C-alpha atoms as a PDB file:
ATOM      1  CA  UNK A   1       0.240   0.322  -0.117  1.00  0.00           C
ATOM      2  CA  UNK A   2       1.680   3.428  -0.884  1.00  0.00           C
ATOM      3  CA  UNK A   3       1.825   5.752   2.060  1.00  0.00           C
ATOM      4  CA  UNK A   4       1.149   9.276   2.011  1.00  0.00           C
ATOM      5  CA  UNK A   5       3.752  11.058   3.062  1.00  0.00           C
ATOM      6  CA  UNK A   6       3.448  12.370   6.474  1.00  0.00           C
ATOM      7  CA  UNK A   7       3.689   8.842   6.974  1.00  0.00           C
ATOM      8  CA  UNK A   8       7.145   7.851   6.127  1.00  0.00           C
ATOM      9  CA  UNK A   9       7.898   8.028   9.931  1.00  0.00           C
ATOM     10  CA  UNK A  10      10.999  10.964   8.955  1.00  0.00           C
ATOM     11  CA  UNK A  11       9.999  14.562   8.903  1.00  0.00           C
ATOM     12  CA  UNK A  12       7.077  14.515   6.588  1.00  0.00           C
ATOM     13  CA  UNK A  13       4.992  13.082   9.430  1.00  0.00           C
ATOM     14  CA  UNK A  14       6.070  16.425  11.983  1.00  0.00           C
ATOM     15  CA  UNK A  15       5.464  19.299   9.401  1.00  0.00           C
ATOM     16  CA  UNK A  16       2.554  17.954   8.696  1.00  0.00           C
ATOM     17  CA  UNK A  17       2.007  17.868  12.389  1.00  0.00           C
ATOM     18  CA  UNK A  18       2.733  21.330  12.842  1.00  0.00           C
ATOM     19  CA  UNK A  19       1.192  22.572   9.912  1.00  0.00           C
ATOM     20  CA  UNK A  20      -2.205  21.016  11.027  1.00  0.00           C
ATOM     21  CA  UNK A  21      -1.756  22.980  14.428  1.00  0.00           C
ATOM     22  CA  UNK A  22      -0.692  25.989  12.922  1.00  0.00           C
ATOM     23  CA  UNK A  23      -3.648  26.539  10.700  1.00  0.00           C
ATOM     24  CA  UNK A  24      -5.998  25.320  13.390  1.00  0.00           C
ATOM     25  CA  UNK A  25      -7.293  22.304  11.255  1.00  0.00           C
ATOM     26  CA  UNK A  26      -6.343  19.331  13.864  1.00  0.00           C
ATOM     27  CA  UNK A  27      -6.044  21.542  16.921  1.00  0.00           C
ATOM     28  CA  UNK A  28      -9.686  22.738  18.066  1.00  0.00           C
ATOM     29  CA  UNK A  29      -8.061  24.204  21.355  1.00  0.00           C
ATOM     30  CA  UNK A  30      -5.991  27.058  21.748  1.00  0.00           C
ATOM     31  CA  UNK A  31      -3.114  26.424  23.927  1.00  0.00           C
ATOM     32  CA  UNK A  32      -3.824  29.695  25.419  1.00  0.00           C
ATOM     33  CA  UNK A  33      -7.236  28.566  26.351  1.00  0.00           C
ATOM     34  CA  UNK A  34      -8.035  25.091  26.477  1.00  0.00           C
ATOM     35  CA  UNK A  35     -12.151  24.163  26.041  1.00  0.00           C
ATOM     36  CA  UNK A  36     -13.349  20.891  26.990  1.00  0.00           C
ATOM     37  CA  UNK A  37     -14.685  20.182  23.500  1.00  0.00           C
ATOM     38  CA  UNK A  38     -13.495  17.033  22.804  1.00  0.00           C
ATOM     39  CA  UNK A  39     -11.167  16.778  19.377  1.00  0.00           C
ATOM     40  CA  UNK A  40     -12.423  15.133  16.009  1.00  0.00           C
ATOM     41  CA  UNK A  41     -11.484  11.823  14.576  1.00  0.00           C
ATOM     42  CA  UNK A  42      -9.491  11.561  11.358  1.00  0.00           C
ATOM     43  CA  UNK A  43     -11.782  10.519   8.637  1.00  0.00           C
ATOM     44  CA  UNK A  44      -9.827   7.661   7.608  1.00  0.00           C
ATOM     45  CA  UNK A  45      -8.610   4.697   9.797  1.00  0.00           C
ATOM     46  CA  UNK A  46      -4.915   3.998  10.725  1.00  0.00           C
ATOM     47  CA  UNK A  47      -3.823   0.333   9.347  1.00  0.00           C
ATOM     48  CA  UNK A  48      -0.840  -0.767  10.554  1.00  0.00           C
ATOM     49  CA  UNK A  49       1.427  -4.652  10.336  1.00  0.00           C
ATOM     50  CA  UNK A  50      -2.679  -6.267  10.062  1.00  0.00           C
ATOM     51  CA  UNK A  51      -1.937 -10.148   9.394  1.00  0.00           C
ATOM     52  CA  UNK A  52      -4.786 -12.794   8.985  1.00  0.00           C
ATOM     53  CA  UNK A  53      -4.445 -14.514  12.515  1.00  0.00           C
ATOM     54  CA  UNK A  54      -4.870 -10.992  14.431  1.00  0.00           C
ATOM     55  CA  UNK A  55      -7.491  -9.449  15.397  1.00  0.00           C
ATOM     56  CA  UNK A  56      -8.399  -5.299  15.264  1.00  0.00           C
ATOM     57  CA  UNK A  57      -9.850  -2.985  16.718  1.00  0.00           C
ATOM     58  CA  UNK A  58     -10.382   1.091  16.162  1.00  0.00           C
ATOM     59  CA  UNK A  59      -9.076   3.045  19.391  1.00  0.00           C
ATOM     60  CA  UNK A  60     -11.398   5.817  19.710  1.00  0.00           C
ATOM     61  CA  UNK A  61     -10.960   8.747  17.804  1.00  0.00           C
ATOM     62  CA  UNK A  62      -7.575   8.204  16.988  1.00  0.00           C
ATOM     63  CA  UNK A  63      -8.933   5.929  14.135  1.00  0.00           C
ATOM     64  CA  UNK A  64      -5.951   3.243  15.161  1.00  0.00           C
ATOM     65  CA  UNK A  65      -6.847  -0.124  14.251  1.00  0.00           C
ATOM     66  CA  UNK A  66      -4.916  -0.867  17.103  1.00  0.00           C
ATOM     67  CA  UNK A  67      -4.008  -5.162  17.779  1.00  0.00           C
ATOM     68  CA  UNK A  68      -6.144  -5.974  20.336  1.00  0.00           C
ATOM     69  CA  UNK A  69      -2.903  -7.426  22.145  1.00  0.00           C
ATOM     70  CA  UNK A  70      -0.273  -4.871  22.945  1.00  0.00           C
ATOM     71  CA  UNK A  71       3.198  -5.171  23.742  1.00  0.00           C
ATOM     72  CA  UNK A  72       3.857  -4.107  26.902  1.00  0.00           C
ATOM     73  CA  UNK A  73       7.890  -2.758  26.815  1.00  0.00           C
ATOM     74  CA  UNK A  74       8.196  -1.022  29.994  1.00  0.00           C
ATOM     75  CA  UNK A  75       9.499  -4.216  32.159  1.00  0.00           C
ATOM     76  CA  UNK A  76       9.715  -6.701  29.629  1.00  0.00           C
ATOM     77  CA  UNK A  77      12.237  -4.330  27.602  1.00  0.00           C
ATOM     78  CA  UNK A  78      14.170  -3.098  31.039  1.00  0.00           C
ATOM     79  CA  UNK A  79      17.384  -3.993  30.023  1.00  0.00           C
ATOM     80  CA  UNK A  80      16.931  -5.109  27.175  1.00  0.00           C
ATOM     81  CA  UNK A  81      15.780  -8.474  28.441  1.00  0.00           C
ATOM     82  CA  UNK A  82      12.635  -8.942  26.222  1.00  0.00           C
ATOM     83  CA  UNK A  83      14.089  -7.281  23.008  1.00  0.00           C
ATOM     84  CA  UNK A  84      14.281 -11.087  21.287  1.00  0.00           C
ATOM     85  CA  UNK A  85      10.433 -11.129  21.307  1.00  0.00           C
ATOM     86  CA  UNK A  86       9.668  -7.527  19.640  1.00  0.00           C
ATOM     87  CA  UNK A  87      10.156  -9.801  16.125  1.00  0.00           C
ATOM     88  CA  UNK A  88       7.891 -12.411  16.683  1.00  0.00           C
ATOM     89  CA  UNK A  89       5.704 -10.357  17.977  1.00  0.00           C
ATOM     90  CA  UNK A  90       5.581  -8.236  14.549  1.00  0.00           C
ATOM     91  CA  UNK A  91       4.942 -11.275  13.078  1.00  0.00           C
ATOM     92  CA  UNK A  92       2.475 -11.988  14.757  1.00  0.00           C
ATOM     93  CA  UNK A  93       0.807  -9.101  13.302  1.00  0.00           C
ATOM     94  CA  UNK A  94       1.017  -6.854  16.895  1.00  0.00           C
ATOM     95  CA  UNK A  95       0.806  -3.626  15.801  1.00  0.00           C
ATOM     96  CA  UNK A  96       1.087  -1.645  18.764  1.00  0.00           C
ATOM     97  CA  UNK A  97       4.103  -1.065  21.356  1.00  0.00           C
ATOM     98  CA  UNK A  98       3.586   0.765  24.637  1.00  0.00           C
ATOM     99  CA  UNK A  99       6.867   1.972  26.676  1.00  0.00           C
ATOM    100  CA  UNK A 100       7.350   4.318  29.459  1.00  0.00           C
ATOM    101  CA  UNK A 101      10.146   6.676  30.983  1.00  0.00           C
ATOM    102  CA  UNK A 102      13.617   6.024  31.651  1.00  0.00           C
ATOM    103  CA  UNK A 103      12.372   7.454  34.998  1.00  0.00           C
ATOM    104  CA  UNK A 104      10.289   4.855  35.781  1.00  0.00           C
ATOM    105  CA  UNK A 105      11.378   1.361  32.954  1.00  0.00           C
ATOM    106  CA  UNK A 106      15.211   1.984  33.018  1.00  0.00           C
ATOM    107  CA  UNK A 107      17.158   1.573  29.352  1.00  0.00           C
ATOM    108  CA  UNK A 108      13.259   0.312  27.978  1.00  0.00           C
ATOM    109  CA  UNK A 109      12.940   3.146  25.182  1.00  0.00           C
ATOM    110  CA  UNK A 110      16.042   2.509  24.327  1.00  0.00           C
ATOM    111  CA  UNK A 111      15.629  -0.872  23.897  1.00  0.00           C
ATOM    112  CA  UNK A 112      12.954  -0.061  22.112  1.00  0.00           C
ATOM    113  CA  UNK A 113      14.584   2.281  19.937  1.00  0.00           C
ATOM    114  CA  UNK A 114      16.281  -0.069  16.908  1.00  0.00           C
ATOM    115  CA  UNK A 115      13.318  -1.752  16.479  1.00  0.00           C
ATOM    116  CA  UNK A 116      11.123   1.115  16.655  1.00  0.00           C
ATOM    117  CA  UNK A 117      13.280   3.217  13.621  1.00  0.00           C
ATOM    118  CA  UNK A 118      13.192  -0.594  11.603  1.00  0.00           C
ATOM    119  CA  UNK A 119       9.107  -0.305  11.265  1.00  0.00           C
ATOM    120  CA  UNK A 120       8.076   2.945  11.769  1.00  0.00           C
ATOM    121  CA  UNK A 121       5.802   2.952   9.446  1.00  0.00           C
ATOM    122  CA  UNK A 122       4.000  -0.137  10.644  1.00  0.00           C
ATOM    123  CA  UNK A 123       3.010   0.318  14.388  1.00  0.00           C
ATOM    124  CA  UNK A 124       2.140   2.337  16.636  1.00  0.00           C
ATOM    125  CA  UNK A 125       4.049   3.169  19.146  1.00  0.00           C
ATOM    126  CA  UNK A 126       3.018   5.055  22.511  1.00  0.00           C
ATOM    127  CA  UNK A 127       5.121   5.995  25.912  1.00  0.00           C
ATOM    128  CA  UNK A 128       4.373   7.912  28.903  1.00  0.00           C
ATOM    129  CA  UNK A 129       5.520  10.000  31.897  1.00  0.00           C
ATOM    130  CA  UNK A 130       4.718  10.289  35.691  1.00  0.00           C
ATOM    131  CA  UNK A 131       4.299  13.631  37.128  1.00  0.00           C
ATOM    132  CA  UNK A 132       7.299  13.904  39.360  1.00  0.00           C
ATOM    133  CA  UNK A 133       7.081  16.923  41.231  1.00  0.00           C
ATOM    134  CA  UNK A 134       3.644  16.624  42.463  1.00  0.00           C
ATOM    135  CA  UNK A 135       3.275  15.510  45.828  1.00  0.00           C
ATOM    136  CA  UNK A 136      -0.195  15.473  45.800  1.00  0.00           C
ATOM    137  CA  UNK A 137      -2.624  12.789  47.479  1.00  0.00           C
ATOM    138  CA  UNK A 138      -6.058  11.598  45.589  1.00  0.00           C
ATOM    139  CA  UNK A 139      -8.266  14.279  46.938  1.00  0.00           C
ATOM    140  CA  UNK A 140      -5.935  17.318  47.140  1.00  0.00           C
ATOM    141  CA  UNK A 141      -6.441  20.171  44.433  1.00  0.00           C
ATOM    142  CA  UNK A 142      -3.601  21.244  42.846  1.00  0.00           C
ATOM    143  CA  UNK A 143      -2.484  24.449  42.773  1.00  0.00           C
ATOM    144  CA  UNK A 144      -1.710  26.273  39.481  1.00  0.00           C
ATOM    145  CA  UNK A 145       2.236  26.611  40.510  1.00  0.00           C
ATOM    146  CA  UNK A 146       1.747  23.084  40.831  1.00  0.00           C
ATOM    147  CA  UNK A 147       0.603  22.025  38.433  1.00  0.00           C
ATOM    148  CA  UNK A 148       2.611  24.111  36.109  1.00  0.00           C
ATOM    149  CA  UNK A 149       5.552  22.499  37.607  1.00  0.00           C
ATOM    150  CA  UNK A 150       4.287  19.561  36.577  1.00  0.00           C
ATOM    151  CA  UNK A 151       3.981  20.156  32.915  1.00  0.00           C
ATOM    152  CA  UNK A 152       7.011  22.084  32.537  1.00  0.00           C
ATOM    153  CA  UNK A 153       8.775  18.511  34.250  1.00  0.00           C
ATOM    154  CA  UNK A 154       6.583  16.241  31.755  1.00  0.00           C
ATOM    155  CA  UNK A 155       7.733  17.782  28.950  1.00  0.00           C
ATOM    156  CA  UNK A 156      11.041  17.469  29.600  1.00  0.00           C
ATOM    157  CA  UNK A 157      10.481  14.156  30.565  1.00  0.00           C
ATOM    158  CA  UNK A 158       9.016  13.316  26.623  1.00  0.00           C
ATOM    159  CA  UNK A 159      11.583  15.044  24.776  1.00  0.00           C
ATOM    160  CA  UNK A 160      13.921  12.748  27.332  1.00  0.00           C
ATOM    161  CA  UNK A 161      10.891   9.666  25.406  1.00  0.00           C
ATOM    162  CA  UNK A 162      11.844  10.912  22.535  1.00  0.00           C
ATOM    163  CA  UNK A 163      15.754  11.193  22.591  1.00  0.00           C
ATOM    164  CA  UNK A 164      15.782   7.580  23.872  1.00  0.00           C
ATOM    165  CA  UNK A 165      13.421   6.350  21.242  1.00  0.00           C
ATOM    166  CA  UNK A 166      15.719   7.902  18.606  1.00  0.00           C
ATOM    167  CA  UNK A 167      13.155   9.309  16.999  1.00  0.00           C
ATOM    168  CA  UNK A 168      11.185  13.332  16.801  1.00  0.00           C
ATOM    169  CA  UNK A 169       7.723  11.763  17.194  1.00  0.00           C
ATOM    170  CA  UNK A 170       5.667   9.537  19.282  1.00  0.00           C
ATOM    171  CA  UNK A 171       1.478   8.533  18.483  1.00  0.00           C
ATOM    172  CA  UNK A 172       0.616   9.474  22.027  1.00  0.00           C
ATOM    173  CA  UNK A 173       1.788   9.810  25.525  1.00  0.00           C
ATOM    174  CA  UNK A 174       0.169   9.786  28.445  1.00  0.00           C
ATOM    175  CA  UNK A 175       0.254  11.041  31.943  1.00  0.00           C
ATOM    176  CA  UNK A 176       1.357   7.659  34.057  1.00  0.00           C
ATOM    177  CA  UNK A 177       0.158   6.526  36.793  1.00  0.00           C
ATOM    178  CA  UNK A 178      -2.658   9.441  37.744  1.00  0.00           C
ATOM    179  CA  UNK A 179      -4.829   9.056  40.334  1.00  0.00           C
ATOM    180  CA  UNK A 180      -5.938  12.456  41.543  1.00  0.00           C
ATOM    181  CA  UNK A 181      -8.931  14.056  39.500  1.00  0.00           C
ATOM    182  CA  UNK A 182      -7.934  17.298  39.815  1.00  0.00           C
ATOM    183  CA  UNK A 183      -5.128  17.073  37.745  1.00  0.00           C
ATOM    184  CA  UNK A 184      -6.930  15.223  35.010  1.00  0.00           C
ATOM    185  CA  UNK A 185      -8.881  18.256  34.937  1.00  0.00           C
ATOM    186  CA  UNK A 186      -5.282  21.158  35.083  1.00  0.00           C
ATOM    187  CA  UNK A 187      -5.670  23.100  31.941  1.00  0.00           C
ATOM    188  CA  UNK A 188      -1.709  24.202  32.651  1.00  0.00           C
ATOM    189  CA  UNK A 189      -1.053  20.341  31.719  1.00  0.00           C
ATOM    190  CA  UNK A 190      -3.119  19.671  29.195  1.00  0.00           C
ATOM    191  CA  UNK A 191      -1.747  22.838  27.414  1.00  0.00           C
ATOM    192  CA  UNK A 192       1.729  20.986  27.655  1.00  0.00           C
ATOM    193  CA  UNK A 193       0.380  18.183  25.386  1.00  0.00           C
ATOM    194  CA  UNK A 194      -1.065  20.697  23.126  1.00  0.00           C
ATOM    195  CA  UNK A 195       2.406  22.896  23.037  1.00  0.00           C
ATOM    196  CA  UNK A 196       3.937  19.242  22.206  1.00  0.00           C
ATOM    197  CA  UNK A 197       1.167  17.912  19.470  1.00  0.00           C
ATOM    198  CA  UNK A 198       2.219  21.488  18.194  1.00  0.00           C
ATOM    199  CA  UNK A 199       5.885  20.804  18.257  1.00  0.00           C
ATOM    200  CA  UNK A 200       5.397  17.632  16.288  1.00  0.00           C
ATOM    201  CA  UNK A 201       6.320  15.443  19.294  1.00  0.00           C
ATOM    202  CA  UNK A 202       3.168  13.252  20.160  1.00  0.00           C
ATOM    203  CA  UNK A 203       0.257  12.419  17.924  1.00  0.00           C
ATOM    204  CA  UNK A 204      -2.493  11.867  20.882  1.00  0.00           C
ATOM    205  CA  UNK A 205      -3.064  12.403  24.775  1.00  0.00           C
ATOM    206  CA  UNK A 206      -3.677   9.701  26.911  1.00  0.00           C
ATOM    207  CA  UNK A 207      -3.955   8.925  31.068  1.00  0.00           C
ATOM    208  CA  UNK A 208      -2.720   5.555  32.430  1.00  0.00           C
ATOM    209  CA  UNK A 209      -4.211   5.149  35.925  1.00  0.00           C
ATOM    210  CA  UNK A 210      -4.374   1.585  38.349  1.00  0.00           C
ATOM    211  CA  UNK A 211      -5.578   4.407  41.427  1.00  0.00           C
ATOM    212  CA  UNK A 212      -8.808   5.903  42.253  1.00  0.00           C
ATOM    213  CA  UNK A 213     -10.042   4.443  38.810  1.00  0.00           C
ATOM    214  CA  UNK A 214     -13.412   5.261  38.415  1.00  0.00           C
ATOM    215  CA  UNK A 215     -13.064   9.234  39.598  1.00  0.00           C
ATOM    216  CA  UNK A 216     -10.117   9.422  36.972  1.00  0.00           C
ATOM    217  CA  UNK A 217     -12.291   8.563  34.438  1.00  0.00           C
ATOM    218  CA  UNK A 218     -15.150  10.536  35.089  1.00  0.00           C
ATOM    219  CA  UNK A 219     -12.800  14.030  35.176  1.00  0.00           C
ATOM    220  CA  UNK A 220     -11.239  12.667  31.769  1.00  0.00           C
ATOM    221  CA  UNK A 221     -14.541  11.903  29.770  1.00  0.00           C
ATOM    222  CA  UNK A 222     -15.848  15.444  31.403  1.00  0.00           C
ATOM    223  CA  UNK A 223     -12.988  17.825  30.207  1.00  0.00           C
ATOM    224  CA  UNK A 224     -12.911  15.770  26.570  1.00  0.00           C
ATOM    225  CA  UNK A 225      -9.325  16.360  25.924  1.00  0.00           C
ATOM    226  CA  UNK A 226      -8.037  12.504  26.060  1.00  0.00           C
ATOM    227  CA  UNK A 227      -7.741  10.334  23.600  1.00  0.00           C
ATOM    228  CA  UNK A 228      -6.846   7.279  25.152  1.00  0.00           C
ATOM    229  CA  UNK A 229      -6.941   6.086  28.684  1.00  0.00           C
ATOM    230  CA  UNK A 230      -5.310   2.695  29.967  1.00  0.00           C
ATOM    231  CA  UNK A 231      -6.338   1.423  33.128  1.00  0.00           C
ATOM    232  CA  UNK A 232      -5.605  -1.197  35.460  1.00  0.00           C
ATOM    233  CA  UNK A 233      -8.814  -3.394  35.173  1.00  0.00           C
ATOM    234  CA  UNK A 234      -9.461  -7.249  36.353  1.00  0.00           C
ATOM    235  CA  UNK A 235     -12.819  -8.960  35.714  1.00  0.00           C
ATOM    236  CA  UNK A 236     -13.330  -8.719  39.379  1.00  0.00           C
ATOM    237  CA  UNK A 237     -13.327  -5.004  38.982  1.00  0.00           C
ATOM    238  CA  UNK A 238     -10.548  -2.399  39.335  1.00  0.00           C
ATOM    239  CA  UNK A 239      -6.881  -3.055  40.629  1.00  0.00           C
ATOM    240  CA  UNK A 240      -4.788  -1.547  42.730  1.00  0.00           C
ATOM    241  CA  UNK A 241      -1.016  -0.894  41.810  1.00  0.00           C
ATOM    242  CA  UNK A 242      -0.131   0.012  45.389  1.00  0.00           C
ATOM    243  CA  UNK A 243      -2.010  -2.678  47.376  1.00  0.00           C
ATOM    244  CA  UNK A 244      -0.875  -5.390  44.319  1.00  0.00           C
ATOM    245  CA  UNK A 245      -5.156  -6.420  45.177  1.00  0.00           C
ATOM    246  CA  UNK A 246      -8.069  -5.579  43.682  1.00  0.00           C
ATOM    247  CA  UNK A 247      -9.614  -1.945  44.426  1.00  0.00           C
ATOM    248  CA  UNK A 248     -11.594  -1.930  48.159  1.00  0.00           C
ATOM    249  CA  UNK A 249     -15.092  -1.965  47.354  1.00  0.00           C
ATOM    250  CA  UNK A 250     -14.575  -2.586  43.443  1.00  0.00           C
ATOM    251  CA  UNK A 251     -17.205  -3.290  41.432  1.00  0.00           C
ATOM    252  CA  UNK A 252     -17.329  -5.962  39.017  1.00  0.00           C
ATOM    253  CA  UNK A 253     -16.604  -5.227  35.498  1.00  0.00           C
ATOM    254  CA  UNK A 254     -20.118  -6.129  34.577  1.00  0.00           C
ATOM    255  CA  UNK A 255     -21.225  -3.828  36.561  1.00  0.00           C
ATOM    256  CA  UNK A 256     -18.543  -1.049  35.326  1.00  0.00           C
ATOM    257  CA  UNK A 257     -20.711  -1.678  31.412  1.00  0.00           C
ATOM    258  CA  UNK A 258     -21.696   1.970  31.876  1.00  0.00           C
ATOM    259  CA  UNK A 259     -18.989   3.634  32.481  1.00  0.00           C
ATOM    260  CA  UNK A 260     -16.847   2.228  30.193  1.00  0.00           C
ATOM    261  CA  UNK A 261     -19.562   2.573  27.385  1.00  0.00           C
ATOM    262  CA  UNK A 262     -19.767   6.654  28.563  1.00  0.00           C
ATOM    263  CA  UNK A 263     -15.530   7.001  28.037  1.00  0.00           C
ATOM    264  CA  UNK A 264     -15.610   5.058  24.636  1.00  0.00           C
ATOM    265  CA  UNK A 265     -18.696   7.186  23.333  1.00  0.00           C
ATOM    266  CA  UNK A 266     -16.923  10.378  24.428  1.00  0.00           C
ATOM    267  CA  UNK A 267     -13.805   9.128  21.795  1.00  0.00           C
ATOM    268  CA  UNK A 268     -11.491   7.627  24.670  1.00  0.00           C
ATOM    269  CA  UNK A 269      -9.980   4.372  23.387  1.00  0.00           C
ATOM    270  CA  UNK A 270      -9.794   2.200  26.327  1.00  0.00           C
ATOM    271  CA  UNK A 271      -6.794  -0.633  27.180  1.00  0.00           C
ATOM    272  CA  UNK A 272      -6.721  -2.548  30.142  1.00  0.00           C
ATOM    273  CA  UNK A 273      -3.416  -3.283  31.569  1.00  0.00           C
ATOM    274  CA  UNK A 274      -2.859  -5.477  34.967  1.00  0.00           C
ATOM    275  CA  UNK A 275      -5.620  -7.871  33.840  1.00  0.00           C
ATOM    276  CA  UNK A 276      -3.906 -11.071  35.079  1.00  0.00           C
ATOM    277  CA  UNK A 277      -1.495  -9.602  37.885  1.00  0.00           C
ATOM    278  CA  UNK A 278      -3.344 -10.139  40.274  1.00  0.00           C
ATOM    279  CA  UNK A 279      -2.917 -14.088  39.682  1.00  0.00           C
ATOM    280  CA  UNK A 280       0.602 -13.682  39.336  1.00  0.00           C
ATOM    281  CA  UNK A 281       1.930 -11.603  42.226  1.00  0.00           C
ATOM    282  CA  UNK A 282       0.132 -14.496  44.615  1.00  0.00           C
ATOM    283  CA  UNK A 283       1.652 -17.553  42.781  1.00  0.00           C
ATOM    284  CA  UNK A 284       5.770 -16.077  42.980  1.00  0.00           C
ATOM    285  CA  UNK A 285       4.467 -15.775  47.021  1.00  0.00           C
ATOM    286  CA  UNK A 286       3.382 -19.028  47.062  1.00  0.00           C
ATOM    287  CA  UNK A 287      -0.191 -17.894  47.738  1.00  0.00           C
ATOM    288  CA  UNK A 288      -1.674 -18.873  44.006  1.00  0.00           C
ATOM    289  CA  UNK A 289      -5.235 -18.798  43.915  1.00  0.00           C
ATOM    290  CA  UNK A 290      -5.472 -18.715  39.652  1.00  0.00           C
ATOM    291  CA  UNK A 291      -9.419 -19.728  40.020  1.00  0.00           C
ATOM    292  CA  UNK A 292     -10.021 -16.170  41.851  1.00  0.00           C
ATOM    293  CA  UNK A 293     -11.505 -15.437  38.783  1.00  0.00           C
ATOM    294  CA  UNK A 294     -13.959 -18.841  37.793  1.00  0.00           C
ATOM    295  CA  UNK A 295     -16.787 -17.123  39.471  1.00  0.00           C
ATOM    296  CA  UNK A 296     -17.196 -14.296  37.134  1.00  0.00           C
ATOM    297  CA  UNK A 297     -17.030 -16.299  33.998  1.00  0.00           C
ATOM    298  CA  UNK A 298     -19.490 -18.063  32.150  1.00  0.00           C
ATOM    299  CA  UNK A 299     -19.476 -21.850  31.574  1.00  0.00           C
ATOM    300  CA  UNK A 300     -18.341 -22.236  28.514  1.00  0.00           C
ATOM    301  CA  UNK A 301     -15.289 -19.496  28.939  1.00  0.00           C
ATOM    302  CA  UNK A 302     -14.484 -21.679  33.100  1.00  0.00           C
ATOM    303  CA  UNK A 303     -14.227 -24.725  31.293  1.00  0.00           C
ATOM    304  CA  UNK A 304     -12.250 -23.849  28.300  1.00  0.00           C
ATOM    305  CA  UNK A 305      -8.566 -25.254  27.294  1.00  0.00           C
ATOM    306  CA  UNK A 306      -7.399 -21.021  27.861  1.00  0.00           C
ATOM    307  CA  UNK A 307      -5.314 -21.127  31.201  1.00  0.00           C
ATOM    308  CA  UNK A 308      -6.481 -18.518  33.807  1.00  0.00           C
ATOM    309  CA  UNK A 309      -4.328 -15.896  32.462  1.00  0.00           C
ATOM    310  CA  UNK A 310      -5.521 -16.139  29.065  1.00  0.00           C
ATOM    311  CA  UNK A 311      -8.944 -16.319  30.414  1.00  0.00           C
ATOM    312  CA  UNK A 312      -8.693 -12.795  32.179  1.00  0.00           C
ATOM    313  CA  UNK A 313      -7.380 -11.302  28.630  1.00  0.00           C
ATOM    314  CA  UNK A 314     -10.437 -12.945  26.770  1.00  0.00           C
ATOM    315  CA  UNK A 315     -12.607 -11.631  29.319  1.00  0.00           C
ATOM    316  CA  UNK A 316     -11.954  -8.129  29.641  1.00  0.00           C
ATOM    317  CA  UNK A 317     -11.374  -8.156  26.013  1.00  0.00           C
ATOM    318  CA  UNK A 318     -15.039  -8.790  25.413  1.00  0.00           C
ATOM    319  CA  UNK A 319     -16.421  -6.599  28.303  1.00  0.00           C
ATOM    320  CA  UNK A 320     -15.769  -2.792  27.375  1.00  0.00           C
ATOM    321  CA  UNK A 321     -11.667  -2.741  26.927  1.00  0.00           C
ATOM    322  CA  UNK A 322     -11.094  -2.241  23.222  1.00  0.00           C
ATOM    323  CA  UNK A 323      -7.626  -3.966  23.831  1.00  0.00           C
ATOM    324  CA  UNK A 324      -5.466  -5.108  26.696  1.00  0.00           C
ATOM    325  CA  UNK A 325      -1.623  -4.063  27.290  1.00  0.00           C
ATOM    326  CA  UNK A 326       0.303  -7.263  28.235  1.00  0.00           C
ATOM    327  CA  UNK A 327       3.803  -7.395  30.377  1.00  0.00           C
ATOM    328  CA  UNK A 328       5.107 -10.371  28.073  1.00  0.00           C
ATOM    329  CA  UNK A 329       8.993 -11.889  29.077  1.00  0.00           C
ATOM    330  CA  UNK A 330       8.947 -15.026  27.693  1.00  0.00           C
ATOM    331  CA  UNK A 331       7.720 -16.600  24.190  1.00  0.00           C
ATOM    332  CA  UNK A 332       5.405 -18.187  26.429  1.00  0.00           C
ATOM    333  CA  UNK A 333       3.660 -15.167  27.701  1.00  0.00           C
ATOM    334  CA  UNK A 334       3.720 -13.936  24.427  1.00  0.00           C
ATOM    335  CA  UNK A 335       1.913 -16.867  22.699  1.00  0.00           C
ATOM    336  CA  UNK A 336      -0.332 -17.634  25.168  1.00  0.00           C
ATOM    337  CA  UNK A 337      -1.869 -14.087  25.100  1.00  0.00           C
ATOM    338  CA  UNK A 338      -1.767 -14.032  20.933  1.00  0.00           C
ATOM    339  CA  UNK A 339      -4.272 -16.912  21.840  1.00  0.00           C
ATOM    340  CA  UNK A 340      -6.209 -14.990  24.033  1.00  0.00           C
ATOM    341  CA  UNK A 341      -6.494 -12.211  22.030  1.00  0.00           C
ATOM    342  CA  UNK A 342      -7.364 -13.917  18.864  1.00  0.00           C
ATOM    343  CA  UNK A 343      -9.849 -16.207  20.713  1.00  0.00           C
ATOM    344  CA  UNK A 344     -12.444 -13.555  23.177  1.00  0.00           C
ATOM    345  CA  UNK A 345     -14.625 -14.173  21.349  1.00  0.00           C
ATOM    346  CA  UNK A 346     -14.929 -18.192  21.175  1.00  0.00           C
ATOM    347  CA  UNK A 347     -15.818 -18.686  24.745  1.00  0.00           C
ATOM    348  CA  UNK A 348     -18.072 -15.492  25.534  1.00  0.00           C
ATOM    349  CA  UNK A 349     -21.544 -16.101  25.415  1.00  0.00           C
END
């Protein structure tokens, strides 16, 4: 397929984004005066590395047709240990690679750089960074001064991510580990993204959260600013990364359907993460309960040939999540998760 000049992964793409921003075609919100109007989607679907053996789903208003399995590069590529899996993932039709700032995942972005350069036209690459300067609790109100400092720090980490990835552009950049709704609503932080977009550094704005997620999602939906949300979620409901447990009092995933639908209807692409993590650390401590979610599943899924981890991924994919992000550090995990992404509908009534 012949690609437009802006898709070649080089300066043409960056110039296209800058020119679009300059004429106001792609930025409905002025960087000086953000509004809560949702950005408009591009008219055409974005297709990359689609293969017959993988399933794909449109990610909200980004219009990117993402493989239903996202390669979680953060921990997997720390120290370069998971690089050997990347070519196999690409061959399997995985076209979405999510990594993170060196401030959190040491050397991961640098480990992805060569693979990204080799396949830039055929993959979607996202990264993320936390707001390191913020020292506030989830219920605190962020001040303008705090938000400006956080935005500056986040922008610096974005620039460092681009340097480590050896590129001038990523398809999306996220606020990482967001747990404060006041921060999600901060115009100063949103302006930092708009400035980055206008400079051709990032295409879409996202957030990741695995704490206080219901309130975070509510705030994100209300602003209309966020194109993507990566959420810590399991068949039994929200996963809390701080405690490594299910969030206290969480509704099940079934009961969270109205919130997830509202997010999708607002144009947010939903990426599930930590879908099986609740099962994994228990096993590492000799307290495995890999049947923890079985009471939630229908009989077809509960008795399927899928293993417990595959079942959790399959379930979230068929209950409101567009795609699922998995940390895969060996070939067995990769192959198992490919099967879960491809066969998820087979076992759901």
